[in-house]
Amino acid sequence: MPRSEPIKAVRGVRDILPGELPLWRAAEQAASAVARRFGYEEIVTPILEHAELIERAGEDTDAFAKELYRFEDRSGRALALRPEATAGVVRAYFERGLNQGPQPTRLFLTGPMFRYDRPQKGRYRQFYQLDVEAIGSAAAALDAEVIELARDWLREVGLGDLRLELNSIGDSKCKPAYLERLQDYYRPLKAKLSPDSQQRLERNPLRLLDSKSEQDAPFKSSAPKITDHLCDECATHWALVRRLLDTAEIEYVLNPYLVRGLDYYTRTVFEFYPSGAAGQQDALGGGGRYDGLAEAEGWPPTAAVGFASGLDRVTELIAASGVDVIARPTADVLVVPDGDLAVEAAEVARICRAVRSTAVDYESKSLTAKMRAANKLGAKWVVLLTLDAASRRSAQLRDMTSGEQEELAWVELPTRLA
């Protein structure tokens, strides 16, 4: 029988290798530091949710209708892998009683999300996000706060040359009348629209504004702008958000075609791009206010605002920008036995681990080859163990930065390494 092909990774997912992880850790640690600086607490929610929770949040939205990983478990329950974090965070906010404490509740989360999208550079079927949510307040100042937090995080990881795009899409009071105006404008043009936009015209007309099809481009400029049709409350909220951003000296570009891809957004919506980037695929993240989501999930109406950013995209840009992220060595100390000294080397390693991370090179190769490996690993110290020294329970400790070397008893190593 011919040998079978080796089993490889599932299409659309990837491994994050040890050499790449310092970038991820830097991004995650910066996210945690900045979020906590703004008073946000970390939450961890399951990657599995009831499919109904996700579908209620994204009814008639492409990302959910086409891309949801939905399946039945052995009991016949419809479950889904989360395509984004917000729906689950809102569920946890009510189900676990966070709505009973002081409001708003400020939360952040990092973790994997799943969408059955066509794999391409920077877009994976399992991807990772930073998610920030402020739930329980309709204050416009929270919209500005979340934007400032997102901006500060992107700056913290070295992506300071940014473009912020901003829009308001109204709420349940003024949006329905605007959508009718939008449909009235586009219906006579239906035959000229792209196939996707023809389907969205009746089902989700707001998405016509962010269509990327060249076929739809000629009609956008004359379409009615929602910011010209806001109710008084939304107009006041919109003006205050911009005033707060101006006061914080956060520059932004007004984009009347920015609507975001999920149905639960209301009022403020925003996206961050690297300066000079044009396509939505280049977005570093975005968010907005979603005052209608809690009610869609079956909870009491509750105001909220949030932000999400793809860590895959951000870490790729960090790497491309040349930001200096120092990779932590595999171990601070490498024990290098010269000869058949596995037992002795293991004991020395246990002694050194009292104060430093320590590994042992157990391979049967020359001392020269082992020292080359130590340099590649980036160890700060090497403990050279020979048969003669081991018989006296001593070893040579080499400082790999200075090149200095001294003989020490094994029991002296922790003091010297501390």
Protein backbone atom coordinates (compact mmCIF):
# COMPACT_ATOMS: atom_id res chain seq x y z
CA MET A 1 0.00 0.00 0.00
CA PRO A 2 1.34 3.47 -0.84
CA ARG A 3 2.06 5.70 2.10
CA SER A 4 -0.79 8.14 2.77
CA GLU A 5 -0.34 11.87 2.44
CA PRO A 6 0.57 13.63 5.73
CA ILE A 7 -2.34 15.40 7.41
CA LYS A 8 -1.98 19.17 7.24
CA ALA A 9 -3.83 22.09 8.83
CA VAL A 10 -7.45 22.78 7.94
CA ARG A 11 -7.81 25.30 5.11
CA GLY A 12 -8.15 28.85 6.38
CA VAL A 13 -6.45 28.35 9.75
CA ARG A 14 -2.81 28.66 10.71
CA ASP A 15 -0.26 27.95 13.39
CA ILE A 16 1.33 30.83 15.28
CA LEU A 17 4.93 29.80 15.74
CA PRO A 18 7.22 30.58 18.70
CA GLY A 19 9.16 33.13 16.66
CA GLU A 20 5.94 35.03 15.90
CA LEU A 21 4.49 34.97 19.40
CA PRO A 22 6.50 37.92 20.82
CA LEU A 23 4.54 40.21 18.46
CA TRP A 24 1.26 38.71 19.64
CA ARG A 25 2.22 38.96 23.28
CA ALA A 26 3.27 42.58 22.80
CA ALA A 27 -0.08 43.42 21.18
CA GLU A 28 -2.08 41.56 23.84
CA GLN A 29 -0.11 43.01 26.75
CA ALA A 30 -0.47 46.52 25.35
CA ALA A 31 -4.22 45.92 24.93
CA SER A 32 -4.55 44.82 28.54
CA ALA A 33 -2.44 47.73 29.85
CA VAL A 34 -4.33 50.38 27.86
CA ALA A 35 -7.78 48.92 28.60
CA ARG A 36 -7.05 48.76 32.33
CA ARG A 37 -5.74 52.33 32.19
CA PHE A 38 -9.21 53.36 31.02
CA GLY A 39 -10.90 51.32 33.78
CA TYR A 40 -11.87 48.25 31.73
CA GLU A 41 -11.85 44.74 33.23
CA GLU A 42 -11.04 41.53 31.40
CA ILE A 43 -13.75 38.97 30.65
CA VAL A 44 -13.47 35.54 29.02
CA THR A 45 -16.53 34.16 27.23
CA PRO A 46 -16.98 30.76 25.51
CA ILE A 47 -16.23 30.33 21.82
CA LEU A 48 -19.44 28.24 21.65
CA GLU A 49 -22.81 29.97 21.85
CA HIS A 50 -26.36 29.01 20.98
CA ALA A 51 -26.75 29.67 17.27
CA GLU A 52 -29.90 31.65 17.98
CA LEU A 53 -27.95 34.20 20.02
CA ILE A 54 -25.63 34.87 17.09
CA GLU A 55 -28.38 34.80 14.48
CA ARG A 56 -30.56 37.25 16.40
CA ALA A 57 -27.64 39.66 16.57
CA GLY A 58 -26.88 39.37 12.87
CA GLU A 59 -30.16 38.62 11.17
CA ASP A 60 -30.01 39.59 7.47
CA THR A 61 -26.31 40.34 7.76
CA ASP A 62 -23.92 38.68 5.31
CA ALA A 63 -21.29 37.84 7.89
CA PHE A 64 -23.80 35.69 9.75
CA ALA A 65 -25.93 34.38 6.91
CA LYS A 66 -22.99 33.16 4.81
CA GLU A 67 -20.07 32.79 7.20
CA LEU A 68 -21.41 31.32 10.43
CA TYR A 69 -19.91 28.02 11.60
CA ARG A 70 -23.23 26.49 12.68
CA PHE A 71 -23.78 22.86 13.70
CA GLU A 72 -25.90 20.56 15.87
CA ASP A 73 -24.39 18.82 18.87
CA ARG A 74 -25.22 15.25 19.85
CA SER A 75 -28.37 16.42 21.63
CA GLY A 76 -29.61 18.22 18.53
CA ARG A 77 -29.00 21.71 19.91
CA ALA A 78 -28.03 24.32 17.32
CA LEU A 79 -24.67 25.78 18.31
CA ALA A 80 -22.24 28.15 16.62
CA LEU A 81 -18.62 29.17 16.89
CA ARG A 82 -18.61 32.86 17.72
CA PRO A 83 -17.93 35.08 14.67
CA GLU A 84 -17.40 38.08 16.95
CA ALA A 85 -17.41 38.69 20.70
CA THR A 86 -20.03 41.35 21.33
CA ALA A 87 -23.15 39.16 21.32
CA GLY A 88 -21.60 36.80 23.88
CA VAL A 89 -20.34 39.63 26.07
CA VAL A 90 -23.82 41.17 26.17
CA ARG A 91 -25.29 37.77 27.08
CA ALA A 92 -22.77 37.37 29.91
CA TYR A 93 -23.44 40.94 31.11
CA PHE A 94 -27.07 40.04 31.82
CA GLU A 95 -26.84 36.33 32.58
CA ARG A 96 -24.04 36.73 35.11
CA GLY A 97 -25.49 39.81 36.79
CA LEU A 98 -23.01 42.44 35.66
CA ASN A 99 -25.99 44.68 34.92
CA GLN A 100 -26.71 44.80 38.66
CA GLY A 101 -23.48 46.63 39.53
CA PRO A 102 -22.37 50.21 38.93
CA GLN A 103 -22.91 51.27 35.34
CA PRO A 104 -21.53 51.37 32.75
CA THR A 105 -19.74 48.04 32.88
CA ARG A 106 -16.43 48.32 31.06
CA LEU A 107 -15.05 45.04 29.68
CA PHE A 108 -12.36 43.79 27.31
CA LEU A 109 -11.59 40.39 25.79
CA THR A 110 -9.00 38.84 23.51
CA GLY A 111 -9.47 35.49 21.81
CA PRO A 112 -10.30 33.48 18.69
CA MET A 113 -13.32 34.08 16.44
CA PHE A 114 -14.51 31.98 13.50
CA ARG A 115 -15.99 32.82 10.10
CA TYR A 116 -16.29 30.68 7.01
CA ASP A 117 -14.87 33.36 4.76
CA ARG A 118 -12.66 32.91 1.72
CA PRO A 119 -9.11 32.66 3.10
CA GLN A 120 -6.74 35.37 1.93
CA LYS A 121 -3.76 37.31 3.24
CA GLY A 122 -4.58 38.67 6.68
CA ARG A 123 -8.02 36.99 6.75
CA TYR A 124 -8.40 33.57 8.30
CA ARG A 125 -11.29 31.31 9.24
CA GLN A 126 -9.97 31.23 12.77
CA PHE A 127 -8.82 34.72 13.61
CA TYR A 128 -8.14 36.67 16.79
CA GLN A 129 -9.63 39.89 18.08
CA LEU A 130 -9.32 42.46 20.79
CA ASP A 131 -12.84 43.35 21.88
CA VAL A 132 -13.73 46.34 24.09
CA GLU A 133 -17.27 46.98 25.37
CA ALA A 134 -18.88 49.64 27.57
CA ILE A 135 -22.41 48.49 28.44
CA GLY A 136 -25.13 50.29 30.36
CA SER A 137 -24.87 53.95 29.33
CA ALA A 138 -26.02 56.05 26.36
CA ALA A 139 -23.49 58.82 27.07
CA ALA A 140 -21.81 60.21 23.96
CA ALA A 141 -18.66 60.55 26.04
CA LEU A 142 -18.38 56.75 26.09
CA ASP A 143 -18.31 56.70 22.28
CA ALA A 144 -15.35 59.08 22.37
CA GLU A 145 -13.73 57.12 25.21
CA VAL A 146 -13.80 53.84 23.26
CA ILE A 147 -12.36 55.59 20.20
CA GLU A 148 -9.58 57.13 22.31
CA LEU A 149 -8.82 53.76 23.90
CA ALA A 150 -8.57 52.11 20.47
CA ARG A 151 -6.34 54.93 19.20
CA ASP A 152 -4.06 54.70 22.25
CA TRP A 153 -3.69 50.92 21.88
CA LEU A 154 -2.75 51.16 18.21
CA ARG A 155 -0.21 53.85 19.07
CA GLU A 156 1.14 51.74 21.92
CA VAL A 157 2.01 48.88 19.54
CA GLY A 158 3.76 51.28 17.18
CA LEU A 159 1.00 51.98 14.63
CA GLY A 160 0.68 55.70 15.21
CA ASP A 161 0.16 56.85 11.62
CA LEU A 162 -3.62 56.33 11.54
CA ARG A 163 -6.75 57.54 9.81
CA LEU A 164 -10.00 57.50 11.78
CA GLU A 165 -13.23 57.44 9.76
CA LEU A 166 -16.43 58.44 11.49
CA ASN A 167 -20.17 58.46 10.81
CA SER A 168 -23.55 58.32 12.51
CA ILE A 169 -26.27 55.96 11.28
CA GLY A 170 -29.11 57.13 13.51
CA ASP A 171 -31.28 54.98 15.72
CA SER A 172 -34.64 53.24 15.76
CA LYS A 173 -36.41 56.61 15.63
CA CYS A 174 -34.80 58.13 12.56
CA LYS A 175 -33.20 55.20 10.73
CA PRO A 176 -36.43 53.61 9.39
CA ALA A 177 -37.47 56.83 7.59
CA TYR A 178 -33.96 57.21 6.21
CA LEU A 179 -33.92 53.64 4.93
CA GLU A 180 -37.13 54.35 3.04
CA ARG A 181 -35.48 57.39 1.42
CA LEU A 182 -32.49 55.25 0.54
CA GLN A 183 -34.70 52.59 -1.05
CA ASP A 184 -36.66 55.23 -2.95
CA TYR A 185 -33.38 56.52 -4.37
CA TYR A 186 -31.96 53.12 -5.34
CA ARG A 187 -35.08 51.30 -6.60
CA PRO A 188 -35.12 53.05 -10.00
CA LEU A 189 -31.42 52.11 -10.31
CA LYS A 190 -31.84 48.46 -9.33
CA ALA A 191 -31.05 47.00 -12.75
CA LYS A 192 -27.76 48.93 -12.81
CA LEU A 193 -26.60 47.71 -9.39
CA SER A 194 -24.31 44.76 -8.68
CA PRO A 195 -26.04 41.43 -7.94
CA ASP A 196 -25.22 41.69 -4.20
CA SER A 197 -26.64 45.20 -3.99
CA GLN A 198 -29.80 44.17 -5.81
CA GLN A 199 -30.39 41.60 -3.07
CA ARG A 200 -29.58 44.06 -0.30
CA LEU A 201 -31.89 46.76 -1.63
CA GLU A 202 -34.93 45.34 0.15
CA ARG A 203 -33.27 43.22 2.81
CA ASN A 204 -30.51 45.50 4.14
CA PRO A 205 -30.39 48.76 2.13
CA LEU A 206 -27.86 50.45 4.44
CA ARG A 207 -25.21 48.06 3.11
CA LEU A 208 -25.52 49.63 -0.36
CA LEU A 209 -23.54 52.57 0.97
CA ASP A 210 -20.43 50.52 1.76
CA SER A 211 -20.55 48.39 -1.40
CA LYS A 212 -17.07 47.88 -2.84
CA SER A 213 -18.38 47.01 -6.32
CA GLU A 214 -17.26 49.39 -9.08
CA GLN A 215 -20.70 48.84 -10.60
CA ASP A 216 -22.30 50.59 -7.62
CA ALA A 217 -19.74 53.40 -7.26
CA PRO A 218 -21.35 55.96 -9.65
CA PHE A 219 -24.55 56.09 -7.58
CA LYS A 220 -23.14 56.66 -4.10
CA SER A 221 -22.38 60.37 -4.30
CA SER A 222 -26.02 61.31 -4.98
CA ALA A 223 -27.50 58.95 -2.38
CA PRO A 224 -29.13 60.65 0.62
CA LYS A 225 -26.76 60.98 3.59
CA ILE A 226 -28.08 59.76 6.91
CA THR A 227 -26.41 62.57 8.85
CA ASP A 228 -28.79 64.95 6.99
CA HIS A 229 -31.77 63.02 8.37
CA LEU A 230 -30.95 62.42 12.04
CA CYS A 231 -33.58 62.98 14.71
CA ASP A 232 -32.86 65.70 17.28
CA GLU A 233 -31.50 63.25 19.87
CA CYS A 234 -29.16 61.58 17.39
CA ALA A 235 -28.03 64.93 15.99
CA THR A 236 -27.18 66.16 19.51
CA HIS A 237 -25.32 62.93 20.27
CA TRP A 238 -23.43 63.14 16.96
CA ALA A 239 -22.36 66.75 17.60
CA LEU A 240 -21.16 65.93 21.12
CA VAL A 241 -19.08 62.94 19.96
CA ARG A 242 -17.27 65.14 17.44
CA ARG A 243 -16.77 67.88 20.00
CA LEU A 244 -15.26 65.40 22.47
CA LEU A 245 -12.90 64.04 19.82
CA ASP A 246 -11.89 67.59 18.87
CA THR A 247 -11.16 68.36 22.51
CA ALA A 248 -9.03 65.22 22.77
CA GLU A 249 -7.20 66.29 19.59
CA ILE A 250 -8.17 63.08 17.82
CA GLU A 251 -8.32 63.75 14.10
CA TYR A 252 -11.04 62.07 12.03
CA VAL A 253 -12.53 61.99 8.56
CA LEU A 254 -16.30 62.11 8.12
CA ASN A 255 -17.36 59.21 5.91
CA PRO A 256 -21.09 59.19 5.04
CA TYR A 257 -20.73 55.71 3.52
CA LEU A 258 -19.40 54.06 6.67
CA VAL A 259 -22.15 51.84 8.08
CA ARG A 260 -20.31 48.79 9.56
CA GLY A 261 -21.37 45.26 8.71
CA LEU A 262 -23.60 44.24 11.63
CA ASP A 263 -27.24 45.11 12.06
CA TYR A 264 -27.14 46.01 15.73
CA TYR A 265 -25.15 49.25 15.33
CA THR A 266 -26.84 52.61 16.06
CA ARG A 267 -25.61 56.19 16.03
CA THR A 268 -21.80 56.42 16.12
CA VAL A 269 -19.78 54.07 13.90
CA PHE A 270 -16.04 54.30 13.25
CA GLU A 271 -13.07 52.51 11.70
CA PHE A 272 -9.30 52.89 11.98
CA TYR A 273 -7.00 52.51 8.97
CA PRO A 274 -3.27 52.83 8.46
CA SER A 275 -2.64 56.23 6.87
CA GLY A 276 -2.80 55.86 3.11
CA ALA A 277 -4.81 52.62 3.10
CA ALA A 278 -7.97 52.72 1.01
CA GLY A 279 -9.81 49.38 1.08
CA GLN A 280 -11.94 48.01 3.88
CA GLN A 281 -9.68 44.93 3.90
CA ASP A 282 -6.98 47.25 5.29
CA ALA A 283 -9.02 48.31 8.34
CA LEU A 284 -7.26 47.82 11.66
CA GLY A 285 -10.54 47.69 13.53
CA GLY A 286 -13.70 49.56 14.23
CA GLY A 287 -16.89 49.67 16.19
CA GLY A 288 -19.65 51.91 17.37
CA ARG A 289 -22.78 52.15 19.44
CA TYR A 290 -25.19 49.20 19.50
CA ASP A 291 -28.14 50.23 21.66
CA GLY A 292 -30.44 47.66 20.02
CA LEU A 293 -28.47 44.46 20.61
CA ALA A 294 -29.57 43.63 24.16
CA GLU A 295 -33.24 43.77 23.17
CA ALA A 296 -32.56 41.65 20.08
CA GLU A 297 -31.12 38.99 22.40
CA GLY A 298 -34.23 39.08 24.58
CA TRP A 299 -32.87 41.23 27.39
CA PRO A 300 -34.11 44.68 28.50
CA PRO A 301 -33.17 47.53 26.13
CA THR A 302 -29.68 48.65 27.15
CA ALA A 303 -27.31 51.16 25.59
CA ALA A 304 -23.75 50.09 24.77
CA VAL A 305 -20.74 50.97 22.65
CA GLY A 306 -17.69 48.93 21.65
CA PHE A 307 -14.68 48.32 19.45
CA ALA A 308 -13.00 45.27 17.91
CA SER A 309 -9.68 44.86 16.14
CA GLY A 310 -8.13 41.91 14.36
CA LEU A 311 -4.88 40.88 16.02
CA ASP A 312 -3.81 38.99 12.88
CA ARG A 313 -3.81 42.19 10.86
CA VAL A 314 -2.27 44.30 13.62
CA THR A 315 0.61 41.89 14.27
CA GLU A 316 1.35 41.67 10.55
CA LEU A 317 1.59 45.46 10.39
CA ILE A 318 3.77 45.58 13.50
CA ALA A 319 6.17 43.15 11.82
CA ALA A 320 6.12 45.07 8.53
CA SER A 321 6.66 48.43 10.24
CA GLY A 322 9.93 47.31 11.81
CA VAL A 323 8.81 48.03 15.36
CA ASP A 324 11.42 46.57 17.70
CA VAL A 325 9.74 43.77 19.65
CA ILE A 326 12.32 41.88 21.67
CA ALA A 327 11.80 38.13 21.51
CA ARG A 328 12.24 36.46 24.84
CA PRO A 329 14.79 33.62 24.61
CA THR A 330 13.56 30.05 24.95
CA ALA A 331 15.41 29.93 28.28
CA ASP A 332 17.70 32.30 30.18
CA VAL A 333 20.13 29.48 30.91
CA LEU A 334 21.22 26.59 28.72
CA VAL A 335 23.00 23.64 30.32
CA VAL A 336 25.47 22.13 27.84
CA PRO A 337 26.85 18.71 28.84
CA ASP A 338 30.00 17.58 27.04
CA GLY A 339 29.67 13.82 27.08
CA ASP A 340 27.31 11.27 28.62
CA LEU A 341 26.04 13.50 31.42
CA ALA A 342 22.27 13.54 31.00
CA VAL A 343 21.57 12.74 34.68
CA GLU A 344 24.01 15.35 35.96
CA ALA A 345 22.79 17.97 33.44
CA ALA A 346 19.19 17.44 34.53
CA GLU A 347 20.19 17.96 38.16
CA VAL A 348 22.07 21.16 37.34
CA ALA A 349 19.05 22.42 35.40
CA ARG A 350 16.78 21.80 38.40
CA ILE A 351 19.16 23.80 40.58
CA CYS A 352 19.27 26.72 38.12
CA ARG A 353 15.46 26.77 37.69
CA ALA A 354 15.17 28.02 41.25
CA VAL A 355 16.03 31.47 39.87
CA ARG A 356 16.06 31.32 36.04
CA SER A 357 14.31 29.55 33.19
CA THR A 358 16.66 26.74 32.17
CA ALA A 359 16.87 24.21 29.34
CA VAL A 360 19.32 21.39 28.62
CA ASP A 361 20.90 20.47 25.30
CA TYR A 362 20.71 16.68 25.46
CA GLU A 363 21.73 16.12 21.83
CA SER A 364 24.76 13.92 21.07
CA LYS A 365 26.74 16.48 19.10
CA SER A 366 30.01 18.33 19.50
CA LEU A 367 30.50 21.05 22.07
CA THR A 368 31.14 23.54 19.25
CA ALA A 369 27.79 22.70 17.66
CA LYS A 370 26.04 23.03 21.02
CA MET A 371 27.55 26.48 21.58
CA ARG A 372 26.36 27.59 18.14
CA ALA A 373 22.88 26.41 19.11
CA ALA A 374 23.12 28.35 22.39
CA ASN A 375 23.84 31.55 20.46
CA LYS A 376 20.84 30.96 18.19
CA LEU A 377 18.57 30.33 21.16
CA GLY A 378 19.60 33.63 22.72
CA ALA A 379 20.43 32.20 26.14
CA LYS A 380 21.98 34.74 28.53
CA TRP A 381 24.14 32.13 30.27
CA VAL A 382 25.53 28.73 29.36
CA VAL A 383 26.48 26.18 31.99
CA LEU A 384 29.28 24.01 30.53
CA LEU A 385 29.38 20.60 32.14
CA THR A 386 32.34 18.26 31.58
CA LEU A 387 33.01 14.77 33.00
CA ASP A 388 35.81 16.07 35.18
CA ALA A 389 33.86 19.06 36.53
CA ALA A 390 30.74 16.96 37.09
CA SER A 391 32.73 14.55 39.25
CA ARG A 392 33.49 17.54 41.52
CA ARG A 393 29.87 18.83 41.26
CA SER A 394 31.07 22.01 39.58
CA ALA A 395 30.60 23.62 36.15
CA GLN A 396 31.76 26.53 34.01
CA LEU A 397 29.27 29.42 33.87
CA ARG A 398 29.64 31.57 30.75
CA ASP A 399 28.04 35.00 30.38
CA MET A 400 27.05 35.00 26.71
CA THR A 401 27.01 38.80 26.51
CA SER A 402 30.44 39.55 27.97
CA GLY A 403 32.08 36.22 27.21
CA GLU A 404 33.33 35.98 30.79
CA GLN A 405 33.52 32.48 32.23
CA GLU A 406 34.11 31.13 35.74
CA GLU A 407 33.97 27.80 37.50
CA LEU A 408 31.34 27.46 40.21
CA ALA A 409 30.03 24.70 42.43
CA TRP A 410 26.52 23.66 41.44
CA VAL A 411 25.11 25.03 44.71
CA GLU A 412 26.61 28.45 43.89
CA LEU A 413 24.84 28.76 40.54
CA PRO A 414 21.51 30.17 41.81
CA THR A 415 23.26 32.98 43.69
CA ARG A 416 25.33 33.89 40.67
CA LEU A 417 22.35 33.75 38.29
CA ALA A 418 19.91 35.65 40.52
